[in-house]
C-alpha cells in the first residue's frame, strides 16, 4: 500500500475547501445511476411526473456524500497520527479505515430502498481466461459509488483505490455479525 508522507497530506483547509466539493461533485455527477441502482425510483414510484421521492433523493445523496467524506477524513486522520507517532508501526498491511466505515454504511443505505441485493459470484472472461467476478444489485450500487470516490481519492490525494468488492464483503460481514451475534 502506498504510504503517504506527512507533507503530502492535505491541510484541513484544503480538505474542506477543495476535496469535499470534489467528492460531492463526483457523486452528483453519477446521481441518476446511483439512485437507479440503490432502488429509490422503485421505492417511490417511477421517475417523472409521478415521482414522489424528491425529498428522499436529496437526503440519500447528502448521506452518500457524508459517508464518503467521513470515511476519507477518518483515513487521513489515521495516516496523520501514524506519521506523527514516535513508535514503530506493526508489520503487515495497515488497516483500511475507509472500508471499515463505508462497508456497513453502504449496505445499510442500500437495504433502506431494496428488499434484498446480496452479492454473488459470476464467471467472466478476462483476457480469454475464466475468472470469478462479483455481481448483483448491491455490488452494482457500491461499484458506482466507490468509482466516484476513487476518482477523487486517487487523482487528488494519490491514495490507492478502494475495491467495491472488499467494501461490500466487509459491510455484509458486519451486518451478519450484528444480526446473528449471541445476545448477552
C-alpha atoms as a PDB file:
ATOM      1  CA  UNK A   1       0.000   0.000   0.000  1.00  0.00           C
ATOM      2  CA  UNK A   2       1.304   3.393  -0.933  1.00  0.00           C
ATOM      3  CA  UNK A   3       2.446   5.276   2.149  1.00  0.00           C
ATOM      4  CA  UNK A   4       1.627   8.946   2.303  1.00  0.00           C
ATOM      5  CA  UNK A   5       4.232  11.255   3.734  1.00  0.00           C
ATOM      6  CA  UNK A   6       3.187  13.894   6.246  1.00  0.00           C
ATOM      7  CA  UNK A   7       3.856  16.769   3.834  1.00  0.00           C
ATOM      8  CA  UNK A   8       1.561  15.241   1.205  1.00  0.00           C
ATOM      9  CA  UNK A   9      -1.486  15.048   3.473  1.00  0.00           C
ATOM     10  CA  UNK A  10      -3.989  17.783   2.663  1.00  0.00           C
ATOM     11  CA  UNK A  11      -4.432  20.526   5.215  1.00  0.00           C
ATOM     12  CA  UNK A  12      -7.781  20.860   6.974  1.00  0.00           C
ATOM     13  CA  UNK A  13      -8.484  23.938   4.889  1.00  0.00           C
ATOM     14  CA  UNK A  14      -7.691  22.181   1.597  1.00  0.00           C
ATOM     15  CA  UNK A  15      -9.665  19.096   2.598  1.00  0.00           C
ATOM     16  CA  UNK A  16     -12.859  21.007   3.389  1.00  0.00           C
ATOM     17  CA  UNK A  17     -12.492  23.685   0.696  1.00  0.00           C
ATOM     18  CA  UNK A  18     -11.313  21.563  -2.246  1.00  0.00           C
ATOM     19  CA  UNK A  19     -11.568  17.811  -1.626  1.00  0.00           C
ATOM     20  CA  UNK A  20     -15.073  17.713  -0.131  1.00  0.00           C
ATOM     21  CA  UNK A  21     -16.672  19.698  -3.002  1.00  0.00           C
ATOM     22  CA  UNK A  22     -14.954  17.350  -5.479  1.00  0.00           C
ATOM     23  CA  UNK A  23     -16.408  14.322  -3.699  1.00  0.00           C
ATOM     24  CA  UNK A  24     -19.841  15.947  -3.803  1.00  0.00           C
ATOM     25  CA  UNK A  25     -19.413  16.771  -7.482  1.00  0.00           C
ATOM     26  CA  UNK A  26     -18.348  13.199  -8.287  1.00  0.00           C
ATOM     27  CA  UNK A  27     -21.413  11.781  -6.513  1.00  0.00           C
ATOM     28  CA  UNK A  28     -23.811  14.279  -8.090  1.00  0.00           C
ATOM     29  CA  UNK A  29     -22.297  13.548 -11.498  1.00  0.00           C
ATOM     30  CA  UNK A  30     -23.500   9.948 -11.082  1.00  0.00           C
ATOM     31  CA  UNK A  31     -26.789  10.901  -9.421  1.00  0.00           C
ATOM     32  CA  UNK A  32     -29.141   9.067 -11.794  1.00  0.00           C
ATOM     33  CA  UNK A  33     -27.011   5.919 -11.886  1.00  0.00           C
ATOM     34  CA  UNK A  34     -26.680   5.797  -8.102  1.00  0.00           C
ATOM     35  CA  UNK A  35     -30.361   6.412  -7.451  1.00  0.00           C
ATOM     36  CA  UNK A  36     -31.398   3.830 -10.028  1.00  0.00           C
ATOM     37  CA  UNK A  37     -29.060   1.161  -8.636  1.00  0.00           C
ATOM     38  CA  UNK A  38     -29.990   1.806  -4.996  1.00  0.00           C
ATOM     39  CA  UNK A  39     -33.667   1.269  -5.853  1.00  0.00           C
ATOM     40  CA  UNK A  40     -35.082   4.641  -4.864  1.00  0.00           C
ATOM     41  CA  UNK A  41     -37.090   5.003  -8.086  1.00  0.00           C
ATOM     42  CA  UNK A  42     -38.764   1.656  -7.460  1.00  0.00           C
ATOM     43  CA  UNK A  43     -39.487   2.537  -3.843  1.00  0.00           C
ATOM     44  CA  UNK A  44     -41.107   5.887  -4.660  1.00  0.00           C
ATOM     45  CA  UNK A  45     -42.799   5.016  -7.964  1.00  0.00           C
ATOM     46  CA  UNK A  46     -41.447   5.775 -11.403  1.00  0.00           C
ATOM     47  CA  UNK A  47     -39.303   8.712 -12.406  1.00  0.00           C
ATOM     48  CA  UNK A  48     -41.050  11.680 -13.964  1.00  0.00           C
ATOM     49  CA  UNK A  49     -44.292  13.388 -13.041  1.00  0.00           C
ATOM     50  CA  UNK A  50     -45.455  10.682 -10.672  1.00  0.00           C
ATOM     51  CA  UNK A  51     -42.205  10.535  -8.707  1.00  0.00           C
ATOM     52  CA  UNK A  52     -42.915  11.339  -5.049  1.00  0.00           C
ATOM     53  CA  UNK A  53     -39.488  10.920  -3.502  1.00  0.00           C
ATOM     54  CA  UNK A  54     -37.702  14.205  -4.215  1.00  0.00           C
ATOM     55  CA  UNK A  55     -37.021  14.923  -0.538  1.00  0.00           C
ATOM     56  CA  UNK A  56     -35.766  11.358  -0.109  1.00  0.00           C
ATOM     57  CA  UNK A  57     -33.464  11.750  -3.123  1.00  0.00           C
ATOM     58  CA  UNK A  58     -31.889  14.856  -1.603  1.00  0.00           C
ATOM     59  CA  UNK A  59     -31.493  13.102   1.753  1.00  0.00           C
ATOM     60  CA  UNK A  60     -29.993   9.986   0.151  1.00  0.00           C
ATOM     61  CA  UNK A  61     -27.426  11.959  -1.863  1.00  0.00           C
ATOM     62  CA  UNK A  62     -26.489  14.059   1.171  1.00  0.00           C
ATOM     63  CA  UNK A  63     -25.940  10.886   3.202  1.00  0.00           C
ATOM     64  CA  UNK A  64     -23.811   9.286   0.492  1.00  0.00           C
ATOM     65  CA  UNK A  65     -21.582  12.373   0.316  1.00  0.00           C
ATOM     66  CA  UNK A  66     -21.390  12.482   4.129  1.00  0.00           C
ATOM     67  CA  UNK A  67     -20.338   8.815   4.315  1.00  0.00           C
ATOM     68  CA  UNK A  68     -17.596   9.287   1.718  1.00  0.00           C
ATOM     69  CA  UNK A  69     -16.292  12.480   3.327  1.00  0.00           C
ATOM     70  CA  UNK A  70     -16.219  10.953   6.811  1.00  0.00           C
ATOM     71  CA  UNK A  71     -14.524   7.792   5.546  1.00  0.00           C
ATOM     72  CA  UNK A  72     -11.806   9.848   3.894  1.00  0.00           C
ATOM     73  CA  UNK A  73     -11.456  12.093   6.964  1.00  0.00           C
ATOM     74  CA  UNK A  74     -11.003   9.037   9.230  1.00  0.00           C
ATOM     75  CA  UNK A  75      -8.380   7.585   6.918  1.00  0.00           C
ATOM     76  CA  UNK A  76      -6.450  10.846   6.633  1.00  0.00           C
ATOM     77  CA  UNK A  77      -6.607  11.375  10.387  1.00  0.00           C
ATOM     78  CA  UNK A  78      -5.242   7.871  10.961  1.00  0.00           C
ATOM     79  CA  UNK A  79      -2.423   8.490   8.475  1.00  0.00           C
ATOM     80  CA  UNK A  80      -1.604  11.783  10.179  1.00  0.00           C
ATOM     81  CA  UNK A  81      -1.440  10.105  13.606  1.00  0.00           C
ATOM     82  CA  UNK A  82       0.742   7.324  12.180  1.00  0.00           C
ATOM     83  CA  UNK A  83       3.100   9.866  10.587  1.00  0.00           C
ATOM     84  CA  UNK A  84       3.422  11.748  13.887  1.00  0.00           C
ATOM     85  CA  UNK A  85       3.809   8.618  16.021  1.00  0.00           C
ATOM     86  CA  UNK A  86       7.196   8.042  17.531  1.00  0.00           C
ATOM     87  CA  UNK A  87       6.646   4.285  17.889  1.00  0.00           C
ATOM     88  CA  UNK A  88       7.225   1.561  15.342  1.00  0.00           C
ATOM     89  CA  UNK A  89       4.123   0.561  13.441  1.00  0.00           C
ATOM     90  CA  UNK A  90       3.177  -3.132  13.358  1.00  0.00           C
ATOM     91  CA  UNK A  91       4.257  -5.138  10.350  1.00  0.00           C
ATOM     92  CA  UNK A  92       1.795  -6.179   7.684  1.00  0.00           C
ATOM     93  CA  UNK A  93      -0.889  -4.398   5.746  1.00  0.00           C
ATOM     94  CA  UNK A  94      -2.209  -1.368   7.599  1.00  0.00           C
ATOM     95  CA  UNK A  95      -5.891  -1.373   8.451  1.00  0.00           C
ATOM     96  CA  UNK A  96      -8.033   0.436   5.902  1.00  0.00           C
ATOM     97  CA  UNK A  97     -10.377   2.622   7.937  1.00  0.00           C
ATOM     98  CA  UNK A  98     -12.368   3.673   4.898  1.00  0.00           C
ATOM     99  CA  UNK A  99     -13.532   0.111   4.238  1.00  0.00           C
ATOM    100  CA  UNK A 100     -14.457  -0.374   7.888  1.00  0.00           C
ATOM    101  CA  UNK A 101     -16.579   2.765   7.866  1.00  0.00           C
ATOM    102  CA  UNK A 102     -18.026   2.651   4.345  1.00  0.00           C
ATOM    103  CA  UNK A 103     -18.965  -1.038   4.163  1.00  0.00           C
ATOM    104  CA  UNK A 104     -21.720  -1.066   6.797  1.00  0.00           C
ATOM    105  CA  UNK A 105     -22.988   2.370   5.711  1.00  0.00           C
ATOM    106  CA  UNK A 106     -23.327   1.406   2.045  1.00  0.00           C
ATOM    107  CA  UNK A 107     -25.076  -1.871   2.890  1.00  0.00           C
ATOM    108  CA  UNK A 108     -27.445  -0.077   5.272  1.00  0.00           C
ATOM    109  CA  UNK A 109     -28.438   2.623   2.805  1.00  0.00           C
ATOM    110  CA  UNK A 110     -28.903   0.048   0.034  1.00  0.00           C
ATOM    111  CA  UNK A 111     -31.224  -2.064   2.194  1.00  0.00           C
ATOM    112  CA  UNK A 112     -33.261   1.019   3.058  1.00  0.00           C
ATOM    113  CA  UNK A 113     -34.568   1.104  -0.522  1.00  0.00           C
ATOM    114  CA  UNK A 114     -34.152  -2.505  -1.669  1.00  0.00           C
ATOM    115  CA  UNK A 115     -35.547  -5.633  -0.060  1.00  0.00           C
ATOM    116  CA  UNK A 116     -32.565  -7.760  -0.946  1.00  0.00           C
ATOM    117  CA  UNK A 117     -29.494  -7.490  -3.038  1.00  0.00           C
ATOM    118  CA  UNK A 118     -26.766  -9.692  -1.777  1.00  0.00           C
ATOM    119  CA  UNK A 119     -23.720 -10.151  -3.878  1.00  0.00           C
ATOM    120  CA  UNK A 120     -22.979 -13.295  -5.826  1.00  0.00           C
ATOM    121  CA  UNK A 121     -20.135 -14.544  -7.962  1.00  0.00           C
ATOM    122  CA  UNK A 122     -20.336 -14.970 -11.708  1.00  0.00           C
ATOM    123  CA  UNK A 123     -17.864 -16.313 -14.224  1.00  0.00           C
ATOM    124  CA  UNK A 124     -16.447 -13.824 -16.681  1.00  0.00           C
ATOM    125  CA  UNK A 125     -13.759 -13.918 -19.309  1.00  0.00           C
ATOM    126  CA  UNK A 126     -10.773 -11.679 -18.707  1.00  0.00           C
ATOM    127  CA  UNK A 127      -8.064 -11.890 -21.347  1.00  0.00           C
ATOM    128  CA  UNK A 128      -9.503 -15.203 -22.546  1.00  0.00           C
ATOM    129  CA  UNK A 129      -9.395 -16.813 -19.108  1.00  0.00           C
ATOM    130  CA  UNK A 130     -12.427 -17.566 -16.960  1.00  0.00           C
ATOM    131  CA  UNK A 131     -12.356 -15.736 -13.652  1.00  0.00           C
ATOM    132  CA  UNK A 132     -14.818 -15.088 -10.858  1.00  0.00           C
ATOM    133  CA  UNK A 133     -16.295 -11.603 -10.531  1.00  0.00           C
ATOM    134  CA  UNK A 134     -18.743 -10.010  -8.122  1.00  0.00           C
ATOM    135  CA  UNK A 135     -22.278  -9.242  -9.302  1.00  0.00           C
ATOM    136  CA  UNK A 136     -25.702  -8.261  -8.023  1.00  0.00           C
ATOM    137  CA  UNK A 137     -27.623  -5.066  -7.331  1.00  0.00           C
ATOM    138  CA  UNK A 138     -25.737  -4.245  -4.128  1.00  0.00           C
ATOM    139  CA  UNK A 139     -22.399  -4.678  -5.867  1.00  0.00           C
ATOM    140  CA  UNK A 140     -23.581  -2.550  -8.805  1.00  0.00           C
ATOM    141  CA  UNK A 141     -24.564   0.276  -6.432  1.00  0.00           C
ATOM    142  CA  UNK A 142     -21.333   0.030  -4.451  1.00  0.00           C
ATOM    143  CA  UNK A 143     -19.241  -0.044  -7.632  1.00  0.00           C
ATOM    144  CA  UNK A 144     -20.756   3.198  -8.876  1.00  0.00           C
ATOM    145  CA  UNK A 145     -20.316   4.911  -5.519  1.00  0.00           C
ATOM    146  CA  UNK A 146     -16.760   3.662  -4.972  1.00  0.00           C
ATOM    147  CA  UNK A 147     -15.870   4.646  -8.543  1.00  0.00           C
ATOM    148  CA  UNK A 148     -16.899   8.250  -7.770  1.00  0.00           C
ATOM    149  CA  UNK A 149     -14.928   8.123  -4.527  1.00  0.00           C
ATOM    150  CA  UNK A 150     -11.832   6.654  -6.174  1.00  0.00           C
ATOM    151  CA  UNK A 151     -11.909   9.370  -8.796  1.00  0.00           C
ATOM    152  CA  UNK A 152     -11.177  11.942  -6.092  1.00  0.00           C
ATOM    153  CA  UNK A 153      -9.074   9.757  -3.824  1.00  0.00           C
ATOM    154  CA  UNK A 154      -6.608   8.555  -6.445  1.00  0.00           C
ATOM    155  CA  UNK A 155      -6.320  11.719  -8.544  1.00  0.00           C
ATOM    156  CA  UNK A 156      -6.422  14.342  -5.793  1.00  0.00           C
ATOM    157  CA  UNK A 157      -4.781  12.602  -2.845  1.00  0.00           C
ATOM    158  CA  UNK A 158      -2.720   9.897  -4.570  1.00  0.00           C
ATOM    159  CA  UNK A 159      -4.177   7.212  -2.305  1.00  0.00           C
ATOM    160  CA  UNK A 160      -4.695   3.643  -3.515  1.00  0.00           C
ATOM    161  CA  UNK A 161      -8.122   2.904  -4.967  1.00  0.00           C
ATOM    162  CA  UNK A 162     -10.754   1.121  -2.908  1.00  0.00           C
ATOM    163  CA  UNK A 163     -12.230  -2.159  -4.079  1.00  0.00           C
ATOM    164  CA  UNK A 164     -16.040  -2.230  -4.150  1.00  0.00           C
ATOM    165  CA  UNK A 165     -15.878  -5.989  -3.519  1.00  0.00           C
ATOM    166  CA  UNK A 166     -13.883  -5.564  -0.318  1.00  0.00           C
ATOM    167  CA  UNK A 167     -16.141  -2.746   0.885  1.00  0.00           C
ATOM    168  CA  UNK A 168     -19.288  -4.832   0.346  1.00  0.00           C
ATOM    169  CA  UNK A 169     -17.819  -8.023   1.817  1.00  0.00           C
ATOM    170  CA  UNK A 170     -16.891  -6.125   4.977  1.00  0.00           C
ATOM    171  CA  UNK A 171     -20.291  -4.405   5.142  1.00  0.00           C
ATOM    172  CA  UNK A 172     -22.198  -7.677   4.723  1.00  0.00           C
ATOM    173  CA  UNK A 173     -20.000  -9.444   7.295  1.00  0.00           C
ATOM    174  CA  UNK A 174     -20.610  -6.641   9.795  1.00  0.00           C
ATOM    175  CA  UNK A 175     -24.356  -6.784   9.165  1.00  0.00           C
ATOM    176  CA  UNK A 176     -24.355 -10.578   9.534  1.00  0.00           C
ATOM    177  CA  UNK A 177     -22.346 -10.382  12.771  1.00  0.00           C
ATOM    178  CA  UNK A 178     -24.692  -7.752  14.181  1.00  0.00           C
ATOM    179  CA  UNK A 179     -27.839  -9.760  13.399  1.00  0.00           C
ATOM    180  CA  UNK A 180     -26.553 -13.165  14.379  1.00  0.00           C
ATOM    181  CA  UNK A 181     -24.462 -12.209  17.385  1.00  0.00           C
ATOM    182  CA  UNK A 182     -25.446 -14.103  20.530  1.00  0.00           C
ATOM    183  CA  UNK A 183     -27.443 -11.999  22.946  1.00  0.00           C
ATOM    184  CA  UNK A 184     -25.825 -11.234  26.281  1.00  0.00           C
END
